[in-house]
PDB file of N, CA and C in Angstrom:
ATOM      1  N   MET A   1      73.654-119.134 -49.053  1.00  0.00           N
ATOM      2  CA  MET A   1      72.216-118.818 -49.437  1.00  0.00           C
ATOM      3  C   MET A   1      72.422-117.302 -48.368  1.00  0.00           C
ATOM      4  N   GLU A   2      71.725-116.146 -48.784  1.00  0.00           N
ATOM      5  CA  GLU A   2      71.618-115.002 -47.844  1.00  0.00           C
ATOM      6  C   GLU A   2      70.264-115.653 -46.913  1.00  0.00           C
ATOM      7  N   LEU A   3      70.401-114.763 -45.653  1.00  0.00           N
ATOM      8  CA  LEU A   3      69.515-114.828 -44.856  1.00  0.00           C
ATOM      9  C   LEU A   3      68.043-114.492 -45.440  1.00  0.00           C
ATOM     10  N   ALA A   4      67.909-113.376 -46.359  1.00  0.00           N
ATOM     11  CA  ALA A   4      66.595-112.818 -46.904  1.00  0.00           C
ATOM     12  C   ALA A   4      66.202-113.918 -47.606  1.00  0.00           C
ATOM     13  N   LEU A   5      66.726-114.500 -48.293  1.00  0.00           N
ATOM     14  CA  LEU A   5      66.453-115.514 -49.303  1.00  0.00           C
ATOM     15  C   LEU A   5      65.888-116.696 -48.774  1.00  0.00           C
ATOM     16  N   ARG A   6      66.640-116.963 -47.383  1.00  0.00           N
ATOM     17  CA  ARG A   6      66.293-118.348 -46.841  1.00  0.00           C
ATOM     18  C   ARG A   6      64.523-118.117 -45.803  1.00  0.00           C
ATOM     19  N   ILE A   7      64.714-116.758 -45.454  1.00  0.00           N
ATOM     20  CA  ILE A   7      63.158-116.452 -44.751  1.00  0.00           C
ATOM     21  C   ILE A   7      62.346-116.562 -46.000  1.00  0.00           C
ATOM     22  N   TYR A   8      62.647-116.248 -46.999  1.00  0.00           N
ATOM     23  CA  TYR A   8      61.508-116.319 -47.999  1.00  0.00           C
ATOM     24  C   TYR A   8      61.119-117.326 -48.694  1.00  0.00           C
ATOM     25  N   GLN A   9      62.173-118.211 -48.859  1.00  0.00           N
ATOM     26  CA  GLN A   9      62.123-119.407 -48.912  1.00  0.00           C
ATOM     27  C   GLN A   9      60.993-120.432 -47.754  1.00  0.00           C
ATOM     28  N   ILE A  10      61.695-120.333 -46.667  1.00  0.00           N
ATOM     29  CA  ILE A  10      60.800-120.902 -45.552  1.00  0.00           C
ATOM     30  C   ILE A  10      59.423-120.571 -45.475  1.00  0.00           C
ATOM     31  N   ARG A  11      59.112-119.163 -45.561  1.00  0.00           N
ATOM     32  CA  ARG A  11      57.824-118.667 -45.702  1.00  0.00           C
ATOM     33  C   ARG A  11      56.919-119.413 -46.695  1.00  0.00           C
ATOM     34  N   LYS A  12      57.807-119.416 -47.988  1.00  0.00           N
ATOM     35  CA  LYS A  12      56.648-119.994 -49.131  1.00  0.00           C
ATOM     36  C   LYS A  12      56.808-121.650 -48.907  1.00  0.00           C
ATOM     37  N   ALA A  13      57.491-122.140 -48.074  1.00  0.00           N
ATOM     38  CA  ALA A  13      57.281-123.907 -48.122  1.00  0.00           C
ATOM     39  C   ALA A  13      56.170-123.866 -46.900  1.00  0.00           C
ATOM     40  N   HIS A  14      56.122-122.891 -46.076  1.00  0.00           N
ATOM     41  CA  HIS A  14      55.008-122.903 -45.334  1.00  0.00           C
ATOM     42  C   HIS A  14      53.627-122.276 -45.584  1.00  0.00           C
ATOM     43  N   ARG A  15      53.145-122.036 -46.785  1.00  0.00           N
ATOM     44  CA  ARG A  15      52.090-121.552 -47.364  1.00  0.00           C
ATOM     45  C   ARG A  15      51.825-120.351 -46.991  1.00  0.00           C
ATOM     46  N   LEU A  16      52.473-119.257 -46.282  1.00  0.00           N
ATOM     47  CA  LEU A  16      52.083-118.038 -45.852  1.00  0.00           C
ATOM     48  C   LEU A  16      52.348-117.025 -46.575  1.00  0.00           C
ATOM     49  N   THR A  17      51.549-115.849 -46.684  1.00  0.00           N
ATOM     50  CA  THR A  17      52.114-114.798 -46.979  1.00  0.00           C
ATOM     51  C   THR A  17      52.568-113.728 -46.280  1.00  0.00           C
ATOM     52  N   GLN A  18      53.432-112.823 -46.999  1.00  0.00           N
ATOM     53  CA  GLN A  18      54.251-111.855 -46.396  1.00  0.00           C
ATOM     54  C   GLN A  18      53.198-110.785 -44.963  1.00  0.00           C
ATOM     55  N   ALA A  19      51.813-110.588 -45.851  1.00  0.00           N
ATOM     56  CA  ALA A  19      51.051-110.244 -44.884  1.00  0.00           C
ATOM     57  C   ALA A  19      50.804-110.812 -43.774  1.00  0.00           C
ATOM     58  N   GLU A  20      50.481-112.309 -43.878  1.00  0.00           N
ATOM     59  CA  GLU A  20      50.210-113.225 -42.698  1.00  0.00           C
ATOM     60  C   GLU A  20      51.561-113.134 -41.801  1.00  0.00           C
ATOM     61  N   VAL A  21      52.406-113.426 -41.906  1.00  0.00           N
ATOM     62  CA  VAL A  21      53.389-113.168 -41.110  1.00  0.00           C
ATOM     63  C   VAL A  21      53.926-111.816 -40.458  1.00  0.00           C
ATOM     64  N   ALA A  22      53.800-110.738 -41.267  1.00  0.00           N
ATOM     65  CA  ALA A  22      53.767-109.451 -40.809  1.00  0.00           C
ATOM     66  C   ALA A  22      52.746-109.271 -39.709  1.00  0.00           C
ATOM     67  N   TYR A  23      51.676-109.670 -39.996  1.00  0.00           N
ATOM     68  CA  TYR A  23      50.420-109.446 -38.831  1.00  0.00           C
ATOM     69  C   TYR A  23      50.734-110.758 -37.548  1.00  0.00           C
ATOM     70  N   ARG A  24      51.294-111.592 -37.905  1.00  0.00           N
ATOM     71  CA  ARG A  24      51.814-112.690 -36.686  1.00  0.00           C
ATOM     72  C   ARG A  24      53.006-111.793 -35.858  1.00  0.00           C
ATOM     73  N   CYS A  25      53.711-110.872 -36.728  1.00  0.00           N
ATOM     74  CA  CYS A  25      55.057-110.279 -35.687  1.00  0.00           C
ATOM     75  C   CYS A  25      54.416-108.795 -35.514  1.00  0.00           C
ATOM     76  N   ASP A  26      53.498-108.571 -35.673  1.00  0.00           N
ATOM     77  CA  ASP A  26      52.967-106.993 -35.369  1.00  0.00           C
ATOM     78  C   ASP A  26      54.203-106.095 -35.885  1.00  0.00           C
ATOM     79  N   ILE A  27      54.203-106.361 -37.161  1.00  0.00           N
ATOM     80  CA  ILE A  27      55.289-105.149 -37.873  1.00  0.00           C
ATOM     81  C   ILE A  27      54.303-105.148 -39.052  1.00  0.00           C
ATOM     82  N   THR A  28      54.377-104.062 -39.899  1.00  0.00           N
ATOM     83  CA  THR A  28      53.598-103.534 -41.286  1.00  0.00           C
ATOM     84  C   THR A  28      54.431-104.572 -42.388  1.00  0.00           C
ATOM     85  N   PRO A  29      53.578-105.029 -43.367  1.00  0.00           N
ATOM     86  CA  PRO A  29      53.950-105.901 -44.340  1.00  0.00           C
ATOM     87  C   PRO A  29      55.010-105.269 -45.226  1.00  0.00           C
ATOM     88  N   SER A  30      54.892-103.883 -45.323  1.00  0.00           N
ATOM     89  CA  SER A  30      56.164-103.272 -45.742  1.00  0.00           C
ATOM     90  C   SER A  30      57.294-103.503 -45.446  1.00  0.00           C
ATOM     91  N   ALA A  31      57.433-103.365 -44.122  1.00  0.00           N
ATOM     92  CA  ALA A  31      58.460-103.403 -43.249  1.00  0.00           C
ATOM     93  C   ALA A  31      59.042-105.163 -43.320  1.00  0.00           C
ATOM     94  N   TYR A  32      58.463-105.855 -43.367  1.00  0.00           N
ATOM     95  CA  TYR A  32      58.332-107.396 -43.374  1.00  0.00           C
ATOM     96  C   TYR A  32      59.158-107.489 -44.859  1.00  0.00           C
ATOM     97  N   GLY A  33      58.598-106.807 -45.932  1.00  0.00           N
ATOM     98  CA  GLY A  33      58.899-107.168 -47.344  1.00  0.00           C
ATOM     99  C   GLY A  33      60.349-106.681 -47.507  1.00  0.00           C
ATOM    100  N   GLN A  34      60.591-105.513 -46.878  1.00  0.00           N
ATOM    101  CA  GLN A  34      61.866-105.100 -46.847  1.00  0.00           C
ATOM    102  C   GLN A  34      63.155-105.836 -46.284  1.00  0.00           C
ATOM    103  N   ILE A  35      62.506-106.796 -45.552  1.00  0.00           N
ATOM    104  CA  ILE A  35      63.424-107.877 -44.699  1.00  0.00           C
ATOM    105  C   ILE A  35      63.840-108.945 -45.842  1.00  0.00           C
ATOM    106  N   GLU A  36      62.495-109.317 -46.291  1.00  0.00           N
ATOM    107  CA  GLU A  36      62.757-110.528 -47.260  1.00  0.00           C
ATOM    108  C   GLU A  36      63.551-109.863 -48.605  1.00  0.00           C
ATOM    109  N   ARG A  37      63.678-108.572 -49.060  1.00  0.00           N
ATOM    110  CA  ARG A  37      64.292-107.835 -50.251  1.00  0.00           C
ATOM    111  C   ARG A  37      65.548-107.488 -49.744  1.00  0.00           C
ATOM    112  N   ARG A  38      65.959-107.678 -48.438  1.00  0.00           N
ATOM    113  CA  ARG A  38      66.994-107.219 -48.312  1.00  0.00           C
ATOM    114  C   ARG A  38      67.561-105.449 -48.284  1.00  0.00           C
ATOM    115  N   ALA A  39      66.475-105.157 -48.367  1.00  0.00           N
ATOM    116  CA  ALA A  39      66.425-103.546 -47.993  1.00  0.00           C
ATOM    117  C   ALA A  39      66.401-103.201 -46.733  1.00  0.00           C
ATOM    118  N   GLY A  40      66.054-104.048 -45.477  1.00  0.00           N
ATOM    119  CA  GLY A  40      65.872-103.541 -44.307  1.00  0.00           C
ATOM    120  C   GLY A  40      66.241-104.530 -43.398  1.00  0.00           C
ATOM    121  N   ASN A  41      66.877-103.927 -42.544  1.00  0.00           N
ATOM    122  CA  ASN A  41      67.807-105.004 -41.594  1.00  0.00           C
ATOM    123  C   ASN A  41      66.701-105.286 -40.267  1.00  0.00           C
ATOM    124  N   ALA A  42      67.101-106.657 -40.126  1.00  0.00           N
ATOM    125  CA  ALA A  42      66.103-107.151 -38.813  1.00  0.00           C
ATOM    126  C   ALA A  42      66.771-107.567 -37.358  1.00  0.00           C
ATOM    127  N   THR A  43      66.409-106.930 -36.577  1.00  0.00           N
ATOM    128  CA  THR A  43      66.919-107.223 -35.737  1.00  0.00           C
ATOM    129  C   THR A  43      67.133-108.811 -34.818  1.00  0.00           C
ATOM    130  N   PHE A  44      67.660-108.992 -33.940  1.00  0.00           N
ATOM    131  CA  PHE A  44      67.626-110.251 -33.578  1.00  0.00           C
ATOM    132  C   PHE A  44      66.041-110.542 -32.793  1.00  0.00           C
ATOM    133  N   PHE A  45      65.715-109.679 -32.277  1.00  0.00           N
ATOM    134  CA  PHE A  45      64.027-109.830 -31.709  1.00  0.00           C
ATOM    135  C   PHE A  45      63.064-109.769 -32.835  1.00  0.00           C
ATOM    136  N   THR A  46      63.410-109.337 -33.868  1.00  0.00           N
ATOM    137  CA  THR A  46      62.334-109.459 -34.967  1.00  0.00           C
ATOM    138  C   THR A  46      62.715-110.689 -35.575  1.00  0.00           C
ATOM    139  N   LEU A  47      63.921-111.188 -35.972  1.00  0.00           N
ATOM    140  CA  LEU A  47      64.121-112.279 -36.352  1.00  0.00           C
ATOM    141  C   LEU A  47      63.490-113.473 -35.550  1.00  0.00           C
ATOM    142  N   ALA A  48      63.519-113.515 -34.407  1.00  0.00           N
ATOM    143  CA  ALA A  48      62.632-114.369 -33.441  1.00  0.00           C
ATOM    144  C   ALA A  48      61.409-114.464 -33.560  1.00  0.00           C
ATOM    145  N   LYS A  49      60.833-113.365 -33.619  1.00  0.00           N
ATOM    146  CA  LYS A  49      59.618-113.205 -33.848  1.00  0.00           C
ATOM    147  C   LYS A  49      59.040-113.614 -35.318  1.00  0.00           C
ATOM    148  N   ILE A  50      59.843-113.461 -35.984  1.00  0.00           N
ATOM    149  CA  ILE A  50      59.421-114.150 -37.618  1.00  0.00           C
ATOM    150  C   ILE A  50      59.505-115.813 -37.558  1.00  0.00           C
ATOM    151  N   ALA A  51      60.526-116.409 -36.803  1.00  0.00           N
ATOM    152  CA  ALA A  51      60.718-117.615 -36.768  1.00  0.00           C
ATOM    153  C   ALA A  51      59.337-118.184 -36.126  1.00  0.00           C
ATOM    154  N   ASP A  52      58.815-117.401 -34.835  1.00  0.00           N
ATOM    155  CA  ASP A  52      57.741-117.875 -34.384  1.00  0.00           C
ATOM    156  C   ASP A  52      56.484-117.968 -34.967  1.00  0.00           C
ATOM    157  N   ALA A  53      56.530-116.916 -35.785  1.00  0.00           N
ATOM    158  CA  ALA A  53      55.440-116.871 -36.991  1.00  0.00           C
ATOM    159  C   ALA A  53      55.530-117.825 -38.042  1.00  0.00           C
ATOM    160  N   ILE A  54      56.283-118.013 -38.348  1.00  0.00           N
ATOM    161  CA  ILE A  54      56.257-119.147 -39.244  1.00  0.00           C
ATOM    162  C   ILE A  54      56.230-120.413 -38.540  1.00  0.00           C
ATOM    163  N   GLY A  55      56.864-120.568 -37.516  1.00  0.00           N
ATOM    164  CA  GLY A  55      56.811-121.744 -36.645  1.00  0.00           C
ATOM    165  C   GLY A  55      58.006-122.533 -36.748  1.00  0.00           C
ATOM    166  N   VAL A  56      58.910-121.848 -36.807  1.00  0.00           N
ATOM    167  CA  VAL A  56      60.181-122.969 -36.682  1.00  0.00           C
ATOM    168  C   VAL A  56      61.166-122.165 -35.717  1.00  0.00           C
ATOM    169  N   SER A  57      62.122-123.007 -35.327  1.00  0.00           N
ATOM    170  CA  SER A  57      63.050-122.142 -34.357  1.00  0.00           C
ATOM    171  C   SER A  57      63.832-121.382 -34.735  1.00  0.00           C
ATOM    172  N   LEU A  58      64.436-120.099 -34.259  1.00  0.00           N
ATOM    173  CA  LEU A  58      65.384-119.148 -34.546  1.00  0.00           C
ATOM    174  C   LEU A  58      66.522-119.873 -35.317  1.00  0.00           C
ATOM    175  N   SER A  59      67.147-121.104 -34.594  1.00  0.00           N
ATOM    176  CA  SER A  59      68.472-121.343 -35.334  1.00  0.00           C
ATOM    177  C   SER A  59      68.199-121.959 -36.279  1.00  0.00           C
ATOM    178  N   PHE A  60      66.826-122.622 -36.865  1.00  0.00           N
ATOM    179  CA  PHE A  60      66.640-123.207 -38.116  1.00  0.00           C
ATOM    180  C   PHE A  60      66.635-122.281 -39.091  1.00  0.00           C
ATOM    181  N   LEU A  61      65.973-121.058 -38.625  1.00  0.00           N
ATOM    182  CA  LEU A  61      65.579-119.944 -39.699  1.00  0.00           C
ATOM    183  C   LEU A  61      66.843-118.832 -40.116  1.00  0.00           C
ATOM    184  N   VAL A  62      67.915-119.298 -38.999  1.00  0.00           N
ATOM    185  CA  VAL A  62      68.940-118.500 -39.704  1.00  0.00           C
ATOM    186  C   VAL A  62      70.277-119.532 -40.171  1.00  0.00           C
ATOM    187  N   ASP A  63      70.042-120.880 -40.015  1.00  0.00           N
ATOM    188  CA  ASP A  63      70.988-121.389 -40.282  1.00  0.00           C
ATOM    189  C   ASP A  63      71.088-121.386 -41.894  1.00  0.00           C
ATOM    190  N   ILE A  64      72.081-120.677 -42.763  1.00  0.00           N
ATOM    191  CA  ILE A  64      71.815-120.151 -43.869  1.00  0.00           C
ATOM    192  C   ILE A  64      72.593-121.357 -44.823  1.00  0.00           C
ATOM    193  N   GLN A  65      72.873-122.307 -44.187  1.00  0.00           N
ATOM    194  CA  GLN A  65      73.801-123.792 -44.702  1.00  0.00           C
ATOM    195  C   GLN A  65      73.106-124.717 -44.979  1.00  0.00           C
ATOM    196  N   ASN A  66      71.611-124.588 -44.234  1.00  0.00           N
ATOM    197  CA  ASN A  66      70.767-125.685 -44.717  1.00  0.00           C
ATOM    198  C   ASN A  66      69.600-125.695 -45.575  1.00  0.00           C
ATOM    199  N   VAL A  67      69.895-126.622 -46.432  1.00  0.00           N
ATOM    200  CA  VAL A  67      68.995-126.715 -47.777  1.00  0.00           C
ATOM    201  C   VAL A  67      67.656-127.052 -47.411  1.00  0.00           C
ATOM    202  N   ASP A  68      66.957-127.450 -46.211  1.00  0.00           N
ATOM    203  CA  ASP A  68      65.929-127.994 -45.950  1.00  0.00           C
ATOM    204  C   ASP A  68      65.071-126.211 -45.554  1.00  0.00           C
ATOM    205  N   TYR A  69      63.333-126.664 -45.885  1.00  0.00           N
ATOM    206  CA  TYR A  69      62.558-125.414 -45.833  1.00  0.00           C
ATOM    207  C   TYR A  69      61.862-125.849 -44.414  1.00  0.00           C
ATOM    208  N   ILE A  70      61.561-126.844 -44.238  1.00  0.00           N
ATOM    209  CA  ILE A  70      60.413-127.551 -43.502  1.00  0.00           C
ATOM    210  C   ILE A  70      61.457-128.062 -42.225  1.00  0.00           C
ATOM    211  N   GLU A  71      61.226-127.487 -40.904  1.00  0.00           N
ATOM    212  CA  GLU A  71      62.037-128.007 -39.940  1.00  0.00           C
ATOM    213  C   GLU A  71      61.674-129.203 -39.600  1.00  0.00           C
ATOM    214  N   LYS A  72      62.392-130.301 -39.383  1.00  0.00           N
ATOM    215  CA  LYS A  72      61.947-131.672 -38.841  1.00  0.00           C
ATOM    216  C   LYS A  72      62.086-131.575 -37.329  1.00  0.00           C
ATOM    217  N   LYS A  73      60.705-131.947 -36.657  1.00  0.00           N
ATOM    218  CA  LYS A  73      60.655-132.026 -35.360  1.00  0.00           C
ATOM    219  C   LYS A  73      60.960-133.160 -34.937  1.00  0.00           C
ATOM    220  N   THR A  74      61.574-133.203 -33.798  1.00  0.00           N
ATOM    221  CA  THR A  74      62.024-134.574 -32.851  1.00  0.00           C
ATOM    222  C   THR A  74      61.090-134.869 -31.854  1.00  0.00           C
ATOM    223  N   SER A  75      61.199-135.961 -31.015  1.00  0.00           N
ATOM    224  CA  SER A  75      60.510-136.196 -30.183  1.00  0.00           C
ATOM    225  C   SER A  75      60.286-135.082 -29.049  1.00  0.00           C
ATOM    226  N   PHE A  76      61.898-134.811 -28.750  1.00  0.00           N
ATOM    227  CA  PHE A  76      62.322-134.031 -27.724  1.00  0.00           C
ATOM    228  C   PHE A  76      61.322-132.434 -28.041  1.00  0.00           C
ATOM    229  N   ASP A  77      61.509-131.947 -29.243  1.00  0.00           N
ATOM    230  CA  ASP A  77      60.712-130.860 -29.642  1.00  0.00           C
ATOM    231  C   ASP A  77      59.556-131.018 -29.271  1.00  0.00           C
ATOM    232  N   LEU A  78      58.461-132.040 -29.382  1.00  0.00           N
ATOM    233  CA  LEU A  78      57.124-132.430 -29.279  1.00  0.00           C
ATOM    234  C   LEU A  78      56.709-132.579 -27.979  1.00  0.00           C
ATOM    235  N   LEU A  79      57.929-132.896 -27.353  1.00  0.00           N
ATOM    236  CA  LEU A  79      57.780-132.919 -25.616  1.00  0.00           C
ATOM    237  C   LEU A  79      57.695-131.461 -24.944  1.00  0.00           C
ATOM    238  N   ASP A  80      58.400-130.483 -25.675  1.00  0.00           N
ATOM    239  CA  ASP A  80      58.211-128.914 -25.290  1.00  0.00           C
ATOM    240  C   ASP A  80      57.159-128.191 -25.795  1.00  0.00           C
ATOM    241  N   ALA A  81      56.618-129.017 -26.762  1.00  0.00           N
ATOM    242  CA  ALA A  81      55.690-127.939 -27.225  1.00  0.00           C
ATOM    243  C   ALA A  81      53.997-127.805 -26.314  1.00  0.00           C
ATOM    244  N   PRO A  82      53.537-126.706 -26.277  1.00  0.00           N
ATOM    245  CA  PRO A  82      52.617-126.409 -25.306  1.00  0.00           C
ATOM    246  C   PRO A  82      51.052-127.240 -25.516  1.00  0.00           C
ATOM    247  N   ALA A  83      50.299-127.803 -24.633  1.00  0.00           N
ATOM    248  CA  ALA A  83      49.514-128.358 -24.725  1.00  0.00           C
ATOM    249  C   ALA A  83      48.302-127.508 -25.464  1.00  0.00           C
ATOM    250  N   ALA A  84      47.193-128.714 -25.974  1.00  0.00           N
ATOM    251  CA  ALA A  84      46.358-127.527 -26.988  1.00  0.00           C
ATOM    252  C   ALA A  84      45.109-127.621 -26.199  1.00  0.00           C
TER     253      ALA A  84
END
């Protein structure tokens, strides 16, 4: 699987629009759309912002061998989560 397709599928699984993710990443919807269409290259920093905007870890986002689109949180992950 290509990274662009994985980003798209994870975003859809989280029921987010391209515009919502773009806003959370502080990039234009057009630039975000290019990333999903493989027309634009994303930097490591941008990929980290996309992962954060969608609510998954960067390692989960870029794991193109993984067939899951919703990240399973472990108890360790929950302990690291900021308090609400």
